[in-house]
Amino acid sequence: MKLFGRKRPQRSADTSEKSPETVNVQSRDVSVAESDTEMMTENVYLGQEQYQPKELQVSAASLIGSRRNQQDSLCYTSLPDKGFLAVVCDGMGGLGGGELASYTACAGMVDAFQKCGDAQPADFFVRTASEIDVSVAGIADAEGVPIGAGTTLAAVWIKENGMHWISVGDSKIYLVRGHQTRCLTTPHNYKMLLDKRKQAGTITSEQYQAELSRGEALVSYIGMNGLKYMDVSMEGLELEAEDQIVLCSDGFYRQCPEENLAQCLENLSGDYETYASQLAEAVIRNQPRGMDNTTLILVRYSPEENEEKIREVNEENEKGDIKT
């Protein structure tokens, strides 16, 4: 298996929450029980079967930015009986811990996907994320002491025209439909909790502002050994022709905000498999200093376009005009 991987360590916030909370996803409640760029990767294909759904086009890229290490990982794979899976992870932890955490999460998700049988996507995601959380929490040094590594997780499962997804942490998944962009995920950070508390009236505006400087600290991530929050699509989403899905680490979306994403995609040209590299390079050019690892996977759903290509090939075959 090939994965590309390698965020700056960030401590999770002390949220003083002693029990798991509920995350609302698609109006459904999901309760999680306590249980200057140096390198760009090439586009990645991960998996044993050389199969990709004909209605999907995929592009992927990862930049190390100005960081010393690449702690992001990405992967995607397809199986004829299951469909297509794409994963982006953004690791945290010093001494290589972030790199190992993100790689472990990516590899674990793909391995579980290949073995999941007839599992429903939502059940699969909840179960697998919980299992991977334990695995990453167990990453230890040579003396067997856990190194405290962690990682975000963003993944989509597409089969035919249906898509399900999961996110833990602050990596994001976007749906771009026409000129509109919709973020499907919620960053699981301290700001999320502050927003809830302010809305509920349990803290004042002054208290909110005083705590906001800690807002980016994650309150749920893979490796905390007991996930507190995850976003899971319970009923899934029906894709429409030319929909685009973007999975990305914060190194990308902090430099390419949601309101600009659809236009940025429209401005790209050439083969679709180069789109992710074009976007990543543009981000680096705009912010060459202090640039975080930047990783993204683009997926375009184009059933009509691919059906037309197939019809054209079949027509040429019938005419006997295909050159060999």
C-alpha atoms as a PDB file:
ATOM      1  CA  MET A   1       0.000   0.000   0.000  1.00  0.00           C
ATOM      2  CA  LYS A   2       1.173   3.508  -0.758  1.00  0.00           C
ATOM      3  CA  LEU A   3       0.250   6.387   1.482  1.00  0.00           C
ATOM      4  CA  PHE A   4       1.702   9.832   1.565  1.00  0.00           C
ATOM      5  CA  GLY A   5       1.972  11.323   4.967  1.00  0.00           C
ATOM      6  CA  ARG A   6       3.762  13.396   7.399  1.00  0.00           C
ATOM      7  CA  LYS A   7       0.693  19.469  11.819  1.00  0.00           C
ATOM      8  CA  ARG A   8       2.474  20.956  14.172  1.00  0.00           C
ATOM      9  CA  PRO A   9       1.911  19.470  17.635  1.00  0.00           C
ATOM     10  CA  GLN A  10      -1.057  21.059  19.345  1.00  0.00           C
ATOM     11  CA  ARG A  11      -2.334  20.207  22.784  1.00  0.00           C
ATOM     12  CA  SER A  12      -6.006  19.572  23.156  1.00  0.00           C
ATOM     13  CA  ALA A  13      -7.914  22.085  25.242  1.00  0.00           C
ATOM     14  CA  ASP A  14      -8.974  21.294  28.791  1.00  0.00           C
ATOM     15  CA  THR A  15     -12.671  21.500  28.166  1.00  0.00           C
ATOM     16  CA  SER A  16     -13.764  20.259  31.602  1.00  0.00           C
ATOM     17  CA  GLU A  17     -16.229  17.953  29.875  1.00  0.00           C
ATOM     18  CA  LYS A  18     -16.401  14.646  31.742  1.00  0.00           C
ATOM     19  CA  SER A  19     -18.751  12.740  29.482  1.00  0.00           C
ATOM     20  CA  PRO A  20     -19.249  12.436  25.724  1.00  0.00           C
ATOM     21  CA  GLU A  21     -21.543  14.959  24.116  1.00  0.00           C
ATOM     22  CA  THR A  22     -23.838  14.632  21.131  1.00  0.00           C
ATOM     23  CA  VAL A  23     -23.058  15.949  17.688  1.00  0.00           C
ATOM     24  CA  ASN A  24     -25.938  16.865  15.403  1.00  0.00           C
ATOM     25  CA  VAL A  25     -25.333  15.809  11.818  1.00  0.00           C
ATOM     26  CA  GLN A  26     -27.925  16.267   9.077  1.00  0.00           C
ATOM     27  CA  SER A  27     -30.551  16.896  11.778  1.00  0.00           C
ATOM     28  CA  ARG A  28     -29.745  13.515  13.318  1.00  0.00           C
ATOM     29  CA  ASP A  29     -28.043  12.964  16.691  1.00  0.00           C
ATOM     30  CA  VAL A  30     -24.976  10.749  16.797  1.00  0.00           C
ATOM     31  CA  SER A  31     -23.916   9.837  20.310  1.00  0.00           C
ATOM     32  CA  VAL A  32     -20.329   8.654  20.691  1.00  0.00           C
ATOM     33  CA  ALA A  33     -19.934   6.556  23.806  1.00  0.00           C
ATOM     34  CA  GLU A  34     -16.760   6.707  25.904  1.00  0.00           C
ATOM     35  CA  SER A  35     -15.682   3.521  24.660  1.00  0.00           C
ATOM     36  CA  ASP A  36       8.560  27.822   0.333  1.00  0.00           C
ATOM     37  CA  THR A  37       7.601  24.348  -0.685  1.00  0.00           C
ATOM     38  CA  GLU A  38      10.064  21.483  -0.441  1.00  0.00           C
ATOM     39  CA  MET A  39       8.008  18.569  -1.713  1.00  0.00           C
ATOM     40  CA  MET A  40       4.790  17.690  -3.447  1.00  0.00           C
ATOM     41  CA  THR A  41       3.541  14.148  -3.659  1.00  0.00           C
ATOM     42  CA  GLU A  42       2.413  12.687  -6.911  1.00  0.00           C
ATOM     43  CA  ASN A  43      -1.224  11.763  -7.316  1.00  0.00           C
ATOM     44  CA  VAL A  44      -1.902   8.663  -5.289  1.00  0.00           C
ATOM     45  CA  TYR A  45      -3.717   5.439  -6.019  1.00  0.00           C
ATOM     46  CA  LEU A  46      -4.022   3.071  -3.085  1.00  0.00           C
ATOM     47  CA  GLY A  47      -5.392  -0.415  -3.441  1.00  0.00           C
ATOM     48  CA  GLN A  48      -4.795  -3.795  -5.009  1.00  0.00           C
ATOM     49  CA  GLU A  49      -7.516  -3.715  -7.642  1.00  0.00           C
ATOM     50  CA  GLN A  50      -6.923  -1.409 -10.600  1.00  0.00           C
ATOM     51  CA  TYR A  51     -10.515  -0.329 -10.596  1.00  0.00           C
ATOM     52  CA  GLN A  52     -12.136   3.077 -10.337  1.00  0.00           C
ATOM     53  CA  PRO A  53     -15.846   3.847 -10.740  1.00  0.00           C
ATOM     54  CA  LYS A  54     -16.310   5.205 -14.248  1.00  0.00           C
ATOM     55  CA  GLU A  55     -18.423   8.105 -13.002  1.00  0.00           C
ATOM     56  CA  LEU A  56     -15.660   9.486 -10.760  1.00  0.00           C
ATOM     57  CA  GLN A  57     -12.618  11.598 -11.539  1.00  0.00           C
ATOM     58  CA  VAL A  58     -10.021  12.000  -8.801  1.00  0.00           C
ATOM     59  CA  SER A  59      -7.123  14.351  -8.120  1.00  0.00           C
ATOM     60  CA  ALA A  60      -4.884  14.426  -5.031  1.00  0.00           C
ATOM     61  CA  ALA A  61      -1.865  16.376  -3.818  1.00  0.00           C
ATOM     62  CA  SER A  62       0.091  17.022  -0.642  1.00  0.00           C
ATOM     63  CA  LEU A  63       2.649  19.753   0.089  1.00  0.00           C
ATOM     64  CA  ILE A  64       5.020  19.904   3.020  1.00  0.00           C
ATOM     65  CA  GLY A  65       4.984  23.710   2.917  1.00  0.00           C
ATOM     66  CA  SER A  66       7.624  25.341   5.118  1.00  0.00           C
ATOM     67  CA  ARG A  67       7.341  22.702   7.862  1.00  0.00           C
ATOM     68  CA  ARG A  68      10.221  20.376   8.680  1.00  0.00           C
ATOM     69  CA  ASN A  69       8.019  17.300   8.497  1.00  0.00           C
ATOM     70  CA  GLN A  70       5.047  16.187   6.469  1.00  0.00           C
ATOM     71  CA  GLN A  71       2.459  15.047   8.998  1.00  0.00           C
ATOM     72  CA  ASP A  72      -0.509  14.840   6.605  1.00  0.00           C
ATOM     73  CA  SER A  73      -1.524  11.593   4.950  1.00  0.00           C
ATOM     74  CA  LEU A  74      -3.964  10.914   2.146  1.00  0.00           C
ATOM     75  CA  CYS A  75      -5.200   7.855   0.377  1.00  0.00           C
ATOM     76  CA  TYR A  76      -7.980   6.622  -1.851  1.00  0.00           C
ATOM     77  CA  THR A  77      -9.050   3.252  -3.116  1.00  0.00           C
ATOM     78  CA  SER A  78     -11.882   1.604  -5.053  1.00  0.00           C
ATOM     79  CA  LEU A  79     -13.370  -1.875  -4.998  1.00  0.00           C
ATOM     80  CA  PRO A  80     -15.976  -3.111  -7.520  1.00  0.00           C
ATOM     81  CA  ASP A  81     -18.392  -4.416  -4.879  1.00  0.00           C
ATOM     82  CA  LYS A  82     -17.989  -1.542  -2.412  1.00  0.00           C
ATOM     83  CA  GLY A  83     -17.323   1.660  -4.346  1.00  0.00           C
ATOM     84  CA  PHE A  84     -14.814   4.413  -3.639  1.00  0.00           C
ATOM     85  CA  LEU A  85     -13.176   5.537  -0.388  1.00  0.00           C
ATOM     86  CA  ALA A  86     -11.041   8.685   0.101  1.00  0.00           C
ATOM     87  CA  VAL A  87      -9.276   9.688   3.332  1.00  0.00           C
ATOM     88  CA  VAL A  88      -7.317  12.749   4.517  1.00  0.00           C
ATOM     89  CA  CYS A  89      -5.591  12.821   7.916  1.00  0.00           C
ATOM     90  CA  ASP A  90      -3.603  15.633   9.556  1.00  0.00           C
ATOM     91  CA  GLY A  91      -1.244  14.350  12.242  1.00  0.00           C
ATOM     92  CA  MET A  92      -0.169  15.977  15.512  1.00  0.00           C
ATOM     93  CA  GLY A  93       2.731  15.091  17.751  1.00  0.00           C
ATOM     94  CA  GLY A  94       6.470  15.594  17.889  1.00  0.00           C
ATOM     95  CA  LEU A  95       9.296  13.152  17.115  1.00  0.00           C
ATOM     96  CA  GLY A  96       7.478  11.746  14.095  1.00  0.00           C
ATOM     97  CA  GLY A  97       4.320  11.021  16.072  1.00  0.00           C
ATOM     98  CA  GLY A  98       2.068  13.056  13.807  1.00  0.00           C
ATOM     99  CA  GLU A  99       3.352  11.335  10.701  1.00  0.00           C
ATOM    100  CA  LEU A 100       2.871   7.897  12.210  1.00  0.00           C
ATOM    101  CA  ALA A 101      -0.578   8.787  13.583  1.00  0.00           C
ATOM    102  CA  SER A 102      -1.920  10.027  10.253  1.00  0.00           C
ATOM    103  CA  TYR A 103      -0.432   7.067   8.382  1.00  0.00           C
ATOM    104  CA  THR A 104      -1.907   4.614  10.898  1.00  0.00           C
ATOM    105  CA  ALA A 105      -5.356   6.199  10.606  1.00  0.00           C
ATOM    106  CA  CYS A 106      -5.295   6.171   6.785  1.00  0.00           C
ATOM    107  CA  ALA A 107      -4.069   2.601   6.575  1.00  0.00           C
ATOM    108  CA  GLY A 108      -6.548   1.457   9.213  1.00  0.00           C
ATOM    109  CA  MET A 109      -9.494   3.022   7.405  1.00  0.00           C
ATOM    110  CA  VAL A 110      -8.528   1.466   4.063  1.00  0.00           C
ATOM    111  CA  ASP A 111      -7.904  -1.953   5.589  1.00  0.00           C
ATOM    112  CA  ALA A 112     -11.292  -1.885   7.334  1.00  0.00           C
ATOM    113  CA  PHE A 113     -12.989  -0.779   4.111  1.00  0.00           C
ATOM    114  CA  GLN A 114     -11.547  -3.732   2.246  1.00  0.00           C
ATOM    115  CA  LYS A 115     -12.833  -6.139   4.904  1.00  0.00           C
ATOM    116  CA  CYS A 116     -16.153  -4.553   5.885  1.00  0.00           C
ATOM    117  CA  GLY A 117     -18.489  -6.894   4.022  1.00  0.00           C
ATOM    118  CA  ASP A 118     -22.051  -5.591   3.824  1.00  0.00           C
ATOM    119  CA  ALA A 119     -21.741  -3.034   6.631  1.00  0.00           C
ATOM    120  CA  GLN A 120     -23.803   0.121   6.371  1.00  0.00           C
ATOM    121  CA  PRO A 121     -21.574   3.182   5.800  1.00  0.00           C
ATOM    122  CA  ALA A 122     -22.572   5.049   8.973  1.00  0.00           C
ATOM    123  CA  ASP A 123     -22.067   1.961  11.148  1.00  0.00           C
ATOM    124  CA  PHE A 124     -18.768   1.267   9.415  1.00  0.00           C
ATOM    125  CA  PHE A 125     -17.470   4.780   9.993  1.00  0.00           C
ATOM    126  CA  VAL A 126     -18.427   4.939  13.682  1.00  0.00           C
ATOM    127  CA  ARG A 127     -16.982   1.517  14.450  1.00  0.00           C
ATOM    128  CA  THR A 128     -13.788   1.994  12.436  1.00  0.00           C
ATOM    129  CA  ALA A 129     -13.050   5.477  13.788  1.00  0.00           C
ATOM    130  CA  SER A 130     -13.372   4.128  17.340  1.00  0.00           C
ATOM    131  CA  GLU A 131     -11.028   1.246  16.567  1.00  0.00           C
ATOM    132  CA  ILE A 132      -8.458   3.485  14.887  1.00  0.00           C
ATOM    133  CA  ASP A 133      -8.640   5.891  17.830  1.00  0.00           C
ATOM    134  CA  VAL A 134      -7.475   3.096  20.121  1.00  0.00           C
ATOM    135  CA  SER A 135      -4.719   2.061  17.703  1.00  0.00           C
ATOM    136  CA  VAL A 136      -3.305   5.578  17.404  1.00  0.00           C
ATOM    137  CA  ALA A 137      -3.529   6.136  21.176  1.00  0.00           C
ATOM    138  CA  GLY A 138      -1.386   3.017  21.577  1.00  0.00           C
ATOM    139  CA  ILE A 139       1.520   4.260  19.448  1.00  0.00           C
ATOM    140  CA  ALA A 140       4.498   4.047  21.803  1.00  0.00           C
ATOM    141  CA  ASP A 141       8.225   4.775  21.897  1.00  0.00           C
ATOM    142  CA  ALA A 142      10.991   2.193  22.169  1.00  0.00           C
ATOM    143  CA  GLU A 143      10.341   1.846  25.905  1.00  0.00           C
ATOM    144  CA  GLY A 144       6.664   1.192  25.315  1.00  0.00           C
ATOM    145  CA  VAL A 145       5.529   4.605  26.580  1.00  0.00           C
ATOM    146  CA  PRO A 146       2.651   6.145  24.568  1.00  0.00           C
ATOM    147  CA  ILE A 147       3.967   9.177  22.690  1.00  0.00           C
ATOM    148  CA  GLY A 148       0.683  11.131  22.728  1.00  0.00           C
ATOM    149  CA  ALA A 149       0.289  11.327  18.963  1.00  0.00           C
ATOM    150  CA  GLY A 150      -3.012  12.142  17.309  1.00  0.00           C
ATOM    151  CA  THR A 151      -4.575  12.942  13.984  1.00  0.00           C
ATOM    152  CA  THR A 152      -7.670  14.364  12.383  1.00  0.00           C
ATOM    153  CA  LEU A 153      -9.748  12.225  10.035  1.00  0.00           C
ATOM    154  CA  ALA A 154     -11.933  13.127   7.061  1.00  0.00           C
ATOM    155  CA  ALA A 155     -13.275  10.383   4.808  1.00  0.00           C
ATOM    156  CA  VAL A 156     -15.957   9.834   2.180  1.00  0.00           C
ATOM    157  CA  TRP A 157     -17.477   6.624   0.846  1.00  0.00           C
ATOM    158  CA  ILE A 158     -19.114   6.917  -2.577  1.00  0.00           C
ATOM    159  CA  LYS A 159     -21.097   4.108  -4.152  1.00  0.00           C
ATOM    160  CA  GLU A 160     -22.989   4.791  -7.363  1.00  0.00           C
ATOM    161  CA  ASN A 161     -24.591   8.212  -6.726  1.00  0.00           C
ATOM    162  CA  GLY A 162     -24.680   7.996  -2.917  1.00  0.00           C
ATOM    163  CA  MET A 163     -22.072   9.474  -0.578  1.00  0.00           C
ATOM    164  CA  HIS A 164     -21.499   9.061   3.152  1.00  0.00           C
ATOM    165  CA  TRP A 165     -18.792  10.742   5.203  1.00  0.00           C
ATOM    166  CA  ILE A 166     -17.125  11.053   8.582  1.00  0.00           C
ATOM    167  CA  SER A 167     -14.903  13.681  10.196  1.00  0.00           C
ATOM    168  CA  VAL A 168     -13.064  13.873  13.510  1.00  0.00           C
ATOM    169  CA  GLY A 169     -11.034  16.980  14.348  1.00  0.00           C
ATOM    170  CA  ASP A 170     -10.736  19.989  12.064  1.00  0.00           C
ATOM    171  CA  SER A 171     -10.029  18.604   8.593  1.00  0.00           C
ATOM    172  CA  LYS A 172     -12.929  19.477   6.302  1.00  0.00           C
ATOM    173  CA  ILE A 173     -15.146  18.026   3.593  1.00  0.00           C
ATOM    174  CA  TYR A 174     -16.831  20.363   1.096  1.00  0.00           C
ATOM    175  CA  LEU A 175     -19.544  19.768  -1.470  1.00  0.00           C
ATOM    176  CA  VAL A 176     -19.236  22.105  -4.455  1.00  0.00           C
ATOM    177  CA  ARG A 177     -22.394  22.152  -6.564  1.00  0.00           C
ATOM    178  CA  GLY A 178     -22.427  24.700  -9.365  1.00  0.00           C
ATOM    179  CA  HIS A 179     -21.409  28.044  -7.887  1.00  0.00           C
ATOM    180  CA  GLN A 180     -22.329  27.014  -4.336  1.00  0.00           C
ATOM    181  CA  THR A 181     -20.053  25.514  -1.705  1.00  0.00           C
ATOM    182  CA  ARG A 182     -21.284  23.742   1.413  1.00  0.00           C
ATOM    183  CA  CYS A 183     -19.071  22.532   4.253  1.00  0.00           C
ATOM    184  CA  LEU A 184     -20.352  19.142   5.418  1.00  0.00           C
ATOM    185  CA  THR A 185     -18.305  19.014   8.622  1.00  0.00           C
ATOM    186  CA  THR A 186     -17.892  20.849  11.921  1.00  0.00           C
ATOM    187  CA  PRO A 187     -14.409  21.599  13.339  1.00  0.00           C
ATOM    188  CA  HIS A 188     -14.209  19.803  16.677  1.00  0.00           C
ATOM    189  CA  ASN A 189     -12.288  22.502  18.487  1.00  0.00           C
ATOM    190  CA  TYR A 190     -12.647  24.592  21.628  1.00  0.00           C
ATOM    191  CA  LYS A 191     -14.373  27.357  19.655  1.00  0.00           C
ATOM    192  CA  MET A 192     -17.169  24.899  18.869  1.00  0.00           C
ATOM    193  CA  LEU A 193     -17.737  24.427  22.596  1.00  0.00           C
ATOM    194  CA  LEU A 194     -17.512  28.155  23.284  1.00  0.00           C
ATOM    195  CA  ASP A 195     -20.104  28.827  20.578  1.00  0.00           C
ATOM    196  CA  LYS A 196     -22.465  26.263  22.123  1.00  0.00           C
ATOM    197  CA  ARG A 197     -22.013  27.711  25.600  1.00  0.00           C
ATOM    198  CA  LYS A 198     -22.532  31.281  24.428  1.00  0.00           C
ATOM    199  CA  GLN A 199     -25.659  30.280  22.527  1.00  0.00           C
ATOM    200  CA  ALA A 200     -26.975  28.422  25.581  1.00  0.00           C
ATOM    201  CA  GLY A 201     -26.277  31.451  27.762  1.00  0.00           C
ATOM    202  CA  THR A 202     -23.892  29.622  30.102  1.00  0.00           C
ATOM    203  CA  ILE A 203     -21.057  32.080  29.438  1.00  0.00           C
ATOM    204  CA  THR A 204     -21.044  35.827  28.848  1.00  0.00           C
ATOM    205  CA  SER A 205     -19.719  37.616  25.781  1.00  0.00           C
ATOM    206  CA  GLU A 206     -16.759  38.755  27.864  1.00  0.00           C
ATOM    207  CA  GLN A 207     -15.962  35.194  28.924  1.00  0.00           C
ATOM    208  CA  TYR A 208     -16.314  34.042  25.333  1.00  0.00           C
ATOM    209  CA  GLN A 209     -13.826  36.637  24.083  1.00  0.00           C
ATOM    210  CA  ALA A 210     -11.384  35.864  26.897  1.00  0.00           C
ATOM    211  CA  GLU A 211     -11.287  32.173  25.936  1.00  0.00           C
ATOM    212  CA  LEU A 212     -11.357  32.595  22.154  1.00  0.00           C
ATOM    213  CA  SER A 213      -7.567  32.695  21.825  1.00  0.00           C
ATOM    214  CA  ARG A 214      -7.621  28.958  22.609  1.00  0.00           C
ATOM    215  CA  GLY A 215     -10.378  28.351  20.078  1.00  0.00           C
ATOM    216  CA  GLU A 216      -8.372  26.255  17.610  1.00  0.00           C
ATOM    217  CA  ALA A 217      -7.331  23.624  20.157  1.00  0.00           C
ATOM    218  CA  LEU A 218      -8.951  20.307  19.255  1.00  0.00           C
ATOM    219  CA  VAL A 219     -11.443  18.725  21.629  1.00  0.00           C
ATOM    220  CA  SER A 220     -11.827  15.534  19.598  1.00  0.00           C
ATOM    221  CA  TYR A 221      -9.256  13.748  17.479  1.00  0.00           C
ATOM    222  CA  ILE A 222      -8.123  10.251  16.583  1.00  0.00           C
ATOM    223  CA  GLY A 223      -5.722   9.089  19.289  1.00  0.00           C
ATOM    224  CA  MET A 224      -7.373  10.595  22.363  1.00  0.00           C
ATOM    225  CA  ASN A 225      -8.497   7.087  23.381  1.00  0.00           C
ATOM    226  CA  GLY A 226     -12.185   7.859  23.685  1.00  0.00           C
ATOM    227  CA  LEU A 227     -13.677  10.021  20.973  1.00  0.00           C
ATOM    228  CA  LYS A 228     -15.911  12.803  22.226  1.00  0.00           C
ATOM    229  CA  TYR A 229     -17.172  14.113  18.891  1.00  0.00           C
ATOM    230  CA  MET A 230     -17.470  12.876  15.342  1.00  0.00           C
ATOM    231  CA  ASP A 231     -19.562  13.998  12.383  1.00  0.00           C
ATOM    232  CA  VAL A 232     -21.176  11.065  10.596  1.00  0.00           C
ATOM    233  CA  SER A 233     -23.699  11.239   7.767  1.00  0.00           C
ATOM    234  CA  MET A 234     -26.512   8.958   8.856  1.00  0.00           C
ATOM    235  CA  GLU A 235     -28.595   9.004   5.685  1.00  0.00           C
ATOM    236  CA  GLY A 236     -25.976  10.031   3.166  1.00  0.00           C
ATOM    237  CA  LEU A 237     -26.193  12.434   0.275  1.00  0.00           C
ATOM    238  CA  GLU A 238     -27.378  11.906  -3.292  1.00  0.00           C
ATOM    239  CA  LEU A 239     -24.804  13.286  -5.703  1.00  0.00           C
ATOM    240  CA  GLU A 240     -25.790  15.263  -8.786  1.00  0.00           C
ATOM    241  CA  ALA A 241     -23.905  15.431 -12.073  1.00  0.00           C
ATOM    242  CA  GLU A 242     -20.742  17.574 -11.861  1.00  0.00           C
ATOM    243  CA  ASP A 243     -20.763  17.714  -8.061  1.00  0.00           C
ATOM    244  CA  GLN A 244     -17.271  18.025  -6.646  1.00  0.00           C
ATOM    245  CA  ILE A 245     -16.129  16.793  -3.241  1.00  0.00           C
ATOM    246  CA  VAL A 246     -13.109  18.353  -1.535  1.00  0.00           C
ATOM    247  CA  LEU A 247     -11.383  16.689   1.422  1.00  0.00           C
ATOM    248  CA  CYS A 248      -8.631  18.861   2.891  1.00  0.00           C
ATOM    249  CA  SER A 249      -6.404  19.620   5.853  1.00  0.00           C
ATOM    250  CA  ASP A 250      -6.415  23.031   7.528  1.00  0.00           C
ATOM    251  CA  GLY A 251      -3.267  24.005   5.658  1.00  0.00           C
ATOM    252  CA  PHE A 252      -5.437  24.248   2.566  1.00  0.00           C
ATOM    253  CA  TYR A 253      -8.726  25.716   3.755  1.00  0.00           C
ATOM    254  CA  ARG A 254      -7.118  28.435   5.863  1.00  0.00           C
ATOM    255  CA  GLN A 255      -5.628  29.847   2.649  1.00  0.00           C
ATOM    256  CA  CYS A 256      -8.547  29.016   0.354  1.00  0.00           C
ATOM    257  CA  PRO A 257     -11.710  29.968   2.280  1.00  0.00           C
ATOM    258  CA  GLU A 258     -15.077  28.426   1.541  1.00  0.00           C
ATOM    259  CA  GLU A 259     -16.452  31.483  -0.259  1.00  0.00           C
ATOM    260  CA  ASN A 260     -13.615  31.295  -2.830  1.00  0.00           C
ATOM    261  CA  LEU A 261     -13.511  27.558  -3.425  1.00  0.00           C
ATOM    262  CA  ALA A 262     -16.102  27.199  -6.210  1.00  0.00           C
ATOM    263  CA  GLN A 263     -14.506  30.034  -8.194  1.00  0.00           C
ATOM    264  CA  CYS A 264     -11.037  28.591  -7.698  1.00  0.00           C
ATOM    265  CA  LEU A 265     -12.217  25.276  -9.125  1.00  0.00           C
ATOM    266  CA  GLU A 266     -13.858  26.998 -12.084  1.00  0.00           C
ATOM    267  CA  ASN A 267     -10.583  28.764 -12.900  1.00  0.00           C
ATOM    268  CA  LEU A 268      -8.620  25.514 -13.261  1.00  0.00           C
ATOM    269  CA  SER A 269      -7.839  23.976 -16.620  1.00  0.00           C
ATOM    270  CA  GLY A 270      -6.197  20.896 -18.068  1.00  0.00           C
ATOM    271  CA  ASP A 271      -6.580  17.284 -16.989  1.00  0.00           C
ATOM    272  CA  TYR A 272      -8.685  16.876 -13.873  1.00  0.00           C
ATOM    273  CA  GLU A 273      -6.039  14.784 -12.162  1.00  0.00           C
ATOM    274  CA  THR A 274      -3.808  17.899 -12.056  1.00  0.00           C
ATOM    275  CA  TYR A 275      -6.438  20.091 -10.336  1.00  0.00           C
ATOM    276  CA  ALA A 276      -5.348  19.304  -6.775  1.00  0.00           C
ATOM    277  CA  SER A 277      -1.730  20.114  -7.585  1.00  0.00           C
ATOM    278  CA  GLN A 278      -2.762  23.371  -9.234  1.00  0.00           C
ATOM    279  CA  LEU A 279      -4.741  24.412  -6.152  1.00  0.00           C
ATOM    280  CA  ALA A 280      -1.993  23.416  -3.732  1.00  0.00           C
ATOM    281  CA  GLU A 281       0.632  25.303  -5.714  1.00  0.00           C
ATOM    282  CA  ALA A 282      -1.574  28.412  -5.801  1.00  0.00           C
ATOM    283  CA  VAL A 283      -1.939  28.266  -2.006  1.00  0.00           C
ATOM    284  CA  ILE A 284       1.812  28.061  -1.545  1.00  0.00           C
ATOM    285  CA  ARG A 285       2.450  30.954  -3.924  1.00  0.00           C
ATOM    286  CA  ASN A 286       0.045  33.146  -1.940  1.00  0.00           C
ATOM    287  CA  GLN A 287       1.507  32.233   1.457  1.00  0.00           C
ATOM    288  CA  PRO A 288       5.131  31.158   0.939  1.00  0.00           C
ATOM    289  CA  ARG A 289       6.239  31.760   4.543  1.00  0.00           C
ATOM    290  CA  GLY A 290       5.061  29.844   7.588  1.00  0.00           C
ATOM    291  CA  MET A 291       3.033  27.543   5.386  1.00  0.00           C
ATOM    292  CA  ASP A 292       1.528  24.470   7.043  1.00  0.00           C
ATOM    293  CA  ASN A 293       1.342  21.063   5.394  1.00  0.00           C
ATOM    294  CA  THR A 294      -1.311  21.295   2.693  1.00  0.00           C
ATOM    295  CA  THR A 295      -3.250  18.240   1.561  1.00  0.00           C
ATOM    296  CA  LEU A 296      -6.398  17.749  -0.495  1.00  0.00           C
ATOM    297  CA  ILE A 297      -8.332  15.216  -2.521  1.00  0.00           C
ATOM    298  CA  LEU A 298     -10.794  16.320  -5.206  1.00  0.00           C
ATOM    299  CA  VAL A 299     -13.512  14.014  -6.524  1.00  0.00           C
ATOM    300  CA  ARG A 300     -15.832  14.917  -9.393  1.00  0.00           C
ATOM    301  CA  TYR A 301     -19.019  12.983 -10.082  1.00  0.00           C
ATOM    302  CA  SER A 302     -19.628  13.009 -13.839  1.00  0.00           C
ATOM    303  CA  PRO A 303     -21.955  10.168 -14.841  1.00  0.00           C
ATOM    304  CA  GLU A 304     -23.248  11.821 -18.005  1.00  0.00           C
ATOM    305  CA  GLU A 305     -19.787  12.769 -19.250  1.00  0.00           C
ATOM    306  CA  ASN A 306     -18.461   9.248 -18.808  1.00  0.00           C
ATOM    307  CA  GLU A 307     -21.536   7.655 -20.348  1.00  0.00           C
ATOM    308  CA  GLU A 308     -21.087   9.891 -23.393  1.00  0.00           C
ATOM    309  CA  LYS A 309     -17.443   8.836 -23.717  1.00  0.00           C
ATOM    310  CA  ILE A 310     -18.455   5.191 -23.504  1.00  0.00           C
ATOM    311  CA  ARG A 311     -21.112   5.696 -26.198  1.00  0.00           C
ATOM    312  CA  GLU A 312     -18.550   7.362 -28.470  1.00  0.00           C
ATOM    313  CA  VAL A 313     -16.109   4.490 -28.052  1.00  0.00           C
ATOM    314  CA  ASN A 314     -18.826   1.913 -28.693  1.00  0.00           C
ATOM    315  CA  GLU A 315     -19.923   3.758 -31.837  1.00  0.00           C
ATOM    316  CA  GLU A 316     -16.357   3.869 -33.132  1.00  0.00           C
ATOM    317  CA  ASN A 317     -15.919   0.172 -32.388  1.00  0.00           C
ATOM    318  CA  GLU A 318     -19.051  -0.635 -34.364  1.00  0.00           C
ATOM    319  CA  LYS A 319     -17.730   1.358 -37.325  1.00  0.00           C
ATOM    320  CA  GLY A 320     -14.407  -0.445 -37.125  1.00  0.00           C
ATOM    321  CA  ASP A 321     -12.587   2.863 -36.988  1.00  0.00           C
ATOM    322  CA  ILE A 322     -10.637   2.240 -33.798  1.00  0.00           C
ATOM    323  CA  LYS A 323      -6.910   2.130 -34.436  1.00  0.00           C
ATOM    324  CA  THR A 324      -4.908  -0.456 -32.540  1.00  0.00           C
END
